[in-house]
Amino acid sequence: VGGGEGDWGGSLKLNAAEQAILTGYTYSTNFPVTTGSFDTGYNGQTDVIILQLAADGSSLLSSTFVGGSDAEVGLSLALDDMENVIVSGRTSSADFPTTSGAYDTSYNGYTDAFVLKLAADWSSLQYSTFVGGTDLDEVNGLVLDGSGNAIITGETGSYDFPNTPGAYDTSFGGTRDAFITKLSADGSSLVFSTFVGGESRDYGVGLSINVGEDIIATGRTYSSDFPTTSGAYDRSYNGGYGDVFVLKLAGGGSSLSYSTFLGGSEEDEPHSLTVD
């Protein structure tokens, strides 16, 4: 699926009809889009693409660009109980499309995370919001809770990345911190937002939710002082070029149930996480 330039798929889900829904990004001005979709015109540098393929792979049911005049990337995708499409990623466009009443309609600088929800007929955005501070912000993982709230994780270099009172960690800790942020189901507010990190670079990659709706997250850390918890599997940084971390966030984002390193003496990096 593509146009005359580079096209990249970032995340894919199947709906109940086994139709593949995908997000990613494109350099192609002629990437195939469908009549009546939210945006049929390429916007600049790279655009987010969101598309839906027939279950037998024979046709493109829906396809849209989403973007501004600079570069953006679609990285993660989820479907809610009504099979509405929620997408997150990063943007460098001050004119990235946002919606009235969204949490943050103003671009914050360098790169911002974004979260958006497509209308059921793909013709409009139910919500679209920036999430970020004055430096680099990037979202790598997205999951929905039972109420349709979007939970994102990623990496921030912004000391002023938004956090909420009572969150586990409200202080930026190093060169880059991981973050875990929950956005309300209508995209209008933050339920909670917290940093997680040590003195060096840390970033979140994947998220899952257990039956009690505790958040389990994984990522990569270069911080020997990355926060761990008593009784965790490995509380000592293993050296080399980064360790995996795995943690469980509880109490509405206010505390760590557990947090552990996972790694050896060389390079260790996670890509995805699920809970059994």
Protein backbone atom coordinates (compact mmCIF):
# COMPACT_ATOMS: atom_id res chain seq x y z
CA VAL A 1 0.00 0.00 0.00
CA GLY A 2 1.73 3.16 -1.06
CA GLY A 3 2.56 5.97 -3.45
CA GLY A 4 5.56 7.21 -5.40
CA GLU A 5 7.82 7.84 -2.38
CA GLY A 6 8.54 6.11 0.93
CA ASP A 7 5.63 4.70 2.95
CA TRP A 8 5.91 3.12 6.39
CA GLY A 9 3.48 1.16 8.56
CA GLY A 10 3.81 1.67 12.31
CA SER A 11 0.97 -0.23 13.99
CA LEU A 12 -1.92 -2.48 12.97
CA LYS A 13 -5.12 -3.82 14.57
CA LEU A 14 -7.95 -6.04 13.37
CA ASN A 15 -11.57 -5.10 13.98
CA ALA A 16 -14.39 -7.60 14.62
CA ALA A 17 -14.84 -8.08 10.86
CA GLU A 18 -11.11 -8.95 10.55
CA GLN A 19 -10.44 -5.82 8.54
CA ALA A 20 -6.89 -4.54 8.99
CA ILE A 21 -6.60 -0.96 10.27
CA LEU A 22 -3.15 0.56 10.07
CA THR A 23 -1.31 3.76 10.86
CA GLY A 24 2.11 4.94 9.85
CA TYR A 25 3.49 7.75 7.73
CA THR A 26 4.20 8.61 4.12
CA TYR A 27 6.38 10.81 1.94
CA SER A 28 4.06 10.14 -1.01
CA THR A 29 1.87 12.97 -2.25
CA ASN A 30 -0.11 10.34 -4.18
CA PHE A 31 -0.62 7.88 -1.31
CA PRO A 32 -4.04 6.29 -1.98
CA VAL A 33 -6.84 7.96 0.00
CA THR A 34 -10.60 7.52 -0.23
CA THR A 35 -13.33 9.98 -1.14
CA GLY A 36 -15.03 11.51 1.89
CA SER A 37 -12.21 10.74 4.31
CA PHE A 38 -10.99 13.40 6.75
CA ASP A 39 -8.10 14.70 4.61
CA THR A 40 -7.45 13.70 1.00
CA GLY A 41 -4.61 16.19 0.43
CA TYR A 42 -0.96 15.65 1.32
CA ASN A 43 0.20 18.36 3.72
CA GLY A 44 4.01 18.44 3.78
CA GLN A 45 7.28 16.60 4.51
CA THR A 46 5.68 13.47 6.01
CA ASP A 47 2.02 12.88 6.83
CA VAL A 48 0.35 10.39 9.14
CA ILE A 49 -1.67 7.83 7.19
CA ILE A 50 -4.59 5.83 8.61
CA LEU A 51 -6.21 3.18 6.45
CA GLN A 52 -8.67 0.29 6.57
CA LEU A 53 -8.33 -2.72 4.27
CA ALA A 54 -11.09 -5.21 3.39
CA ALA A 55 -10.87 -8.51 5.27
CA ASP A 56 -9.85 -10.36 2.10
CA GLY A 57 -7.27 -7.72 1.17
CA SER A 58 -9.08 -6.87 -2.06
CA SER A 59 -9.88 -3.21 -1.54
CA LEU A 60 -9.16 -0.08 0.45
CA LEU A 61 -12.27 0.75 2.50
CA SER A 62 -11.01 3.98 4.06
CA SER A 63 -7.78 5.93 3.92
CA THR A 64 -6.83 9.42 5.07
CA PHE A 65 -3.88 11.73 5.55
CA VAL A 66 -3.50 13.59 8.86
CA GLY A 67 -0.88 16.29 9.10
CA GLY A 68 0.43 19.80 8.99
CA SER A 69 3.08 21.62 6.97
CA ASP A 70 6.04 19.90 8.68
CA ALA A 71 6.71 16.25 9.57
CA GLU A 72 4.58 13.80 11.56
CA VAL A 73 4.60 10.07 12.18
CA GLY A 74 1.78 7.73 13.25
CA LEU A 75 3.25 5.23 15.68
CA SER A 76 0.49 3.52 17.68
CA LEU A 77 -3.15 2.62 17.11
CA ALA A 78 -6.02 1.26 19.19
CA LEU A 79 -9.72 0.54 18.69
CA ASP A 80 -12.35 1.36 21.31
CA ASP A 81 -15.48 -0.69 22.08
CA MET A 82 -17.32 1.00 19.20
CA GLU A 83 -14.35 0.30 16.89
CA ASN A 84 -13.47 3.97 16.62
CA VAL A 85 -9.81 4.45 15.70
CA ILE A 86 -7.45 6.20 18.14
CA VAL A 87 -3.95 7.06 16.89
CA SER A 88 -0.90 8.55 18.57
CA GLY A 89 2.49 9.66 17.31
CA ARG A 90 4.68 12.71 17.00
CA THR A 91 4.47 15.95 15.02
CA SER A 92 6.71 18.90 14.21
CA SER A 93 3.85 20.90 12.70
CA ALA A 94 2.50 23.93 14.53
CA ASP A 95 -0.55 23.62 12.26
CA PHE A 96 -1.21 19.95 12.98
CA PRO A 97 -5.04 19.66 13.07
CA THR A 98 -6.57 19.88 16.54
CA THR A 99 -10.18 20.11 17.65
CA SER A 100 -12.16 22.60 19.72
CA GLY A 101 -12.19 21.63 23.40
CA ALA A 102 -9.19 19.31 23.12
CA TYR A 103 -6.71 19.23 25.98
CA ASP A 104 -3.99 21.23 24.17
CA THR A 105 -4.59 22.95 20.83
CA SER A 106 -1.26 24.86 20.78
CA TYR A 107 2.03 23.43 19.52
CA ASN A 108 4.63 23.46 22.28
CA GLY A 109 7.94 23.21 20.42
CA TYR A 110 10.48 20.99 18.64
CA THR A 111 8.31 17.86 18.43
CA ASP A 112 5.04 17.19 20.25
CA ALA A 113 3.19 13.98 20.90
CA PHE A 114 -0.35 13.89 19.53
CA VAL A 115 -3.42 11.75 20.22
CA LEU A 116 -6.46 11.75 17.94
CA LYS A 117 -9.73 9.89 17.50
CA LEU A 118 -11.34 9.45 14.10
CA ALA A 119 -15.10 9.64 13.70
CA ALA A 120 -16.77 6.33 12.85
CA ASP A 121 -17.23 7.33 9.20
CA TRP A 122 -13.61 8.61 8.92
CA SER A 123 -14.85 12.02 7.73
CA SER A 124 -13.77 14.05 10.75
CA LEU A 125 -11.80 14.03 13.99
CA GLN A 126 -13.79 13.47 17.18
CA TYR A 127 -10.79 14.89 19.02
CA SER A 128 -7.18 15.72 18.33
CA THR A 129 -4.71 17.16 20.80
CA PHE A 130 -1.05 17.96 21.29
CA VAL A 131 0.69 16.59 24.39
CA GLY A 132 4.12 18.02 25.10
CA GLY A 133 6.57 20.60 26.33
CA THR A 134 9.22 22.84 24.79
CA ASP A 135 11.66 20.07 23.74
CA LEU A 136 11.34 16.67 22.07
CA ASP A 137 8.25 14.63 22.94
CA GLU A 138 7.46 11.33 21.25
CA VAL A 139 4.82 8.70 21.96
CA ASN A 140 5.73 5.08 21.22
CA GLY A 141 2.92 3.11 22.86
CA LEU A 142 -0.85 3.47 23.20
CA VAL A 143 -3.51 1.43 24.99
CA LEU A 144 -7.12 2.13 25.96
CA ASP A 145 -8.66 1.37 29.34
CA GLY A 146 -12.21 0.06 29.81
CA SER A 147 -13.64 3.58 29.74
CA GLY A 148 -11.96 4.50 26.46
CA ASN A 149 -9.31 6.69 28.04
CA ALA A 150 -6.12 6.73 25.94
CA ILE A 151 -2.92 5.89 27.83
CA ILE A 152 0.36 6.74 26.11
CA THR A 153 4.04 6.20 26.85
CA GLY A 154 7.15 7.48 25.18
CA GLU A 155 10.08 9.79 25.62
CA THR A 156 10.41 13.46 26.53
CA GLY A 157 13.26 15.91 26.72
CA SER A 158 10.92 18.58 28.06
CA TYR A 159 11.35 19.65 31.68
CA ASP A 160 7.89 21.21 31.30
CA PHE A 161 6.17 18.10 29.90
CA PRO A 162 2.70 18.18 31.47
CA ASN A 163 2.28 16.28 34.72
CA THR A 164 -0.51 16.17 37.24
CA PRO A 165 -0.69 16.69 41.02
CA GLY A 166 -0.30 13.44 42.94
CA ALA A 167 1.33 11.61 40.03
CA TYR A 168 4.16 9.21 40.81
CA ASP A 169 6.92 11.59 39.65
CA THR A 170 6.31 15.25 38.80
CA SER A 171 10.00 16.19 38.33
CA PHE A 172 11.99 15.82 35.12
CA GLY A 173 14.95 13.63 36.02
CA GLY A 174 17.56 13.41 33.28
CA THR A 175 18.53 14.05 29.68
CA ARG A 176 15.33 12.26 28.55
CA ASP A 177 12.58 10.75 30.70
CA ALA A 178 9.95 8.17 29.98
CA PHE A 179 6.39 9.36 30.57
CA ILE A 180 3.05 7.65 31.13
CA THR A 181 0.01 9.82 30.47
CA LYS A 182 -3.72 9.07 30.55
CA LEU A 183 -6.02 11.27 28.49
CA SER A 184 -9.77 11.45 29.09
CA ALA A 185 -12.00 9.55 26.63
CA ASP A 186 -13.16 12.79 24.98
CA GLY A 187 -9.61 14.14 24.68
CA SER A 188 -10.36 17.21 26.79
CA SER A 189 -8.15 16.68 29.85
CA LEU A 190 -5.39 14.69 31.50
CA VAL A 191 -6.54 12.04 33.98
CA PHE A 192 -2.92 11.76 35.11
CA SER A 193 0.57 12.23 33.73
CA THR A 194 3.89 11.20 35.26
CA PHE A 195 7.57 11.10 34.48
CA VAL A 196 9.49 7.86 35.04
CA GLY A 197 13.27 7.97 34.87
CA GLY A 198 16.73 8.48 36.26
CA GLU A 199 19.73 10.66 35.53
CA SER A 200 20.26 9.59 31.92
CA ARG A 201 18.04 8.68 28.96
CA ASP A 202 14.85 6.65 29.53
CA TYR A 203 11.99 5.97 27.15
CA GLY A 204 8.76 4.00 27.18
CA VAL A 205 7.96 1.61 24.34
CA GLY A 206 4.96 -0.58 25.18
CA LEU A 207 1.89 -0.64 27.42
CA SER A 208 -0.72 -3.12 28.55
CA ILE A 209 -3.50 -3.16 31.15
CA ASN A 210 -4.42 -5.99 33.52
CA VAL A 211 -7.94 -6.92 34.65
CA GLY A 212 -7.71 -4.42 37.52
CA GLU A 213 -6.69 -1.71 35.02
CA ASP A 214 -3.22 -1.31 36.48
CA ILE A 215 -0.81 -0.14 33.76
CA ILE A 216 2.18 -2.31 32.88
CA ALA A 217 4.87 -0.55 30.85
CA THR A 218 8.18 -1.47 29.31
CA GLY A 219 10.97 0.57 27.80
CA ARG A 220 14.67 1.17 27.79
CA THR A 221 16.88 2.93 30.31
CA TYR A 222 20.48 4.11 30.39
CA SER A 223 20.08 5.30 34.00
CA SER A 224 21.82 3.36 36.76
CA ASP A 225 19.45 5.09 39.20
CA PHE A 226 16.25 4.22 37.31
CA PRO A 227 13.62 3.70 40.05
CA THR A 228 13.13 0.08 41.13
CA THR A 229 11.06 -1.40 43.95
CA SER A 230 11.85 -3.60 46.93
CA GLY A 231 11.63 -7.29 46.03
CA ALA A 232 11.77 -6.70 42.26
CA TYR A 233 13.60 -9.24 40.09
CA ASP A 234 16.65 -7.03 39.35
CA ARG A 235 17.36 -3.76 41.12
CA SER A 236 20.88 -3.22 39.70
CA TYR A 237 21.67 -1.68 36.33
CA ASN A 238 23.55 -4.22 34.26
CA GLY A 239 25.70 -1.87 32.18
CA GLY A 240 26.35 -1.95 28.49
CA TYR A 241 24.19 -0.02 26.08
CA GLY A 242 20.92 0.22 27.97
CA ASP A 243 18.73 -2.12 30.02
CA VAL A 244 15.10 -3.07 29.58
CA PHE A 245 12.75 -1.92 32.33
CA VAL A 246 9.35 -3.38 33.21
CA LEU A 247 7.07 -1.66 35.71
CA LYS A 248 3.51 -1.67 36.98
CA LEU A 249 1.88 1.69 37.73
CA ALA A 250 -0.97 1.65 40.24
CA GLY A 251 -3.10 3.99 42.33
CA GLY A 252 -4.34 6.08 39.43
CA GLY A 253 -0.78 6.82 38.35
CA SER A 254 0.44 7.66 41.83
CA SER A 255 2.75 4.75 42.69
CA LEU A 256 4.82 1.84 41.38
CA SER A 257 3.59 -1.65 42.34
CA TYR A 258 6.86 -2.97 40.97
CA SER A 259 9.73 -1.85 38.77
CA THR A 260 12.67 -3.93 37.61
CA PHE A 261 15.66 -3.89 35.31
CA LEU A 262 16.02 -6.71 32.80
CA GLY A 263 19.28 -7.06 30.92
CA GLY A 264 22.88 -8.10 30.57
CA SER A 265 26.24 -6.53 29.89
CA GLU A 266 25.53 -5.45 26.30
CA GLU A 267 22.59 -3.86 24.47
CA ASP A 268 19.03 -4.72 25.60
CA GLU A 269 15.86 -3.19 24.16
CA PRO A 270 12.17 -4.15 24.29
CA HIS A 271 9.77 -3.63 21.41
CA SER A 272 6.37 -4.75 22.71
CA LEU A 273 4.51 -5.96 25.81
CA THR A 274 1.31 -7.86 26.66
CA VAL A 275 -0.21 -9.23 29.87
CA ASP A 276 -1.47 -12.84 30.16
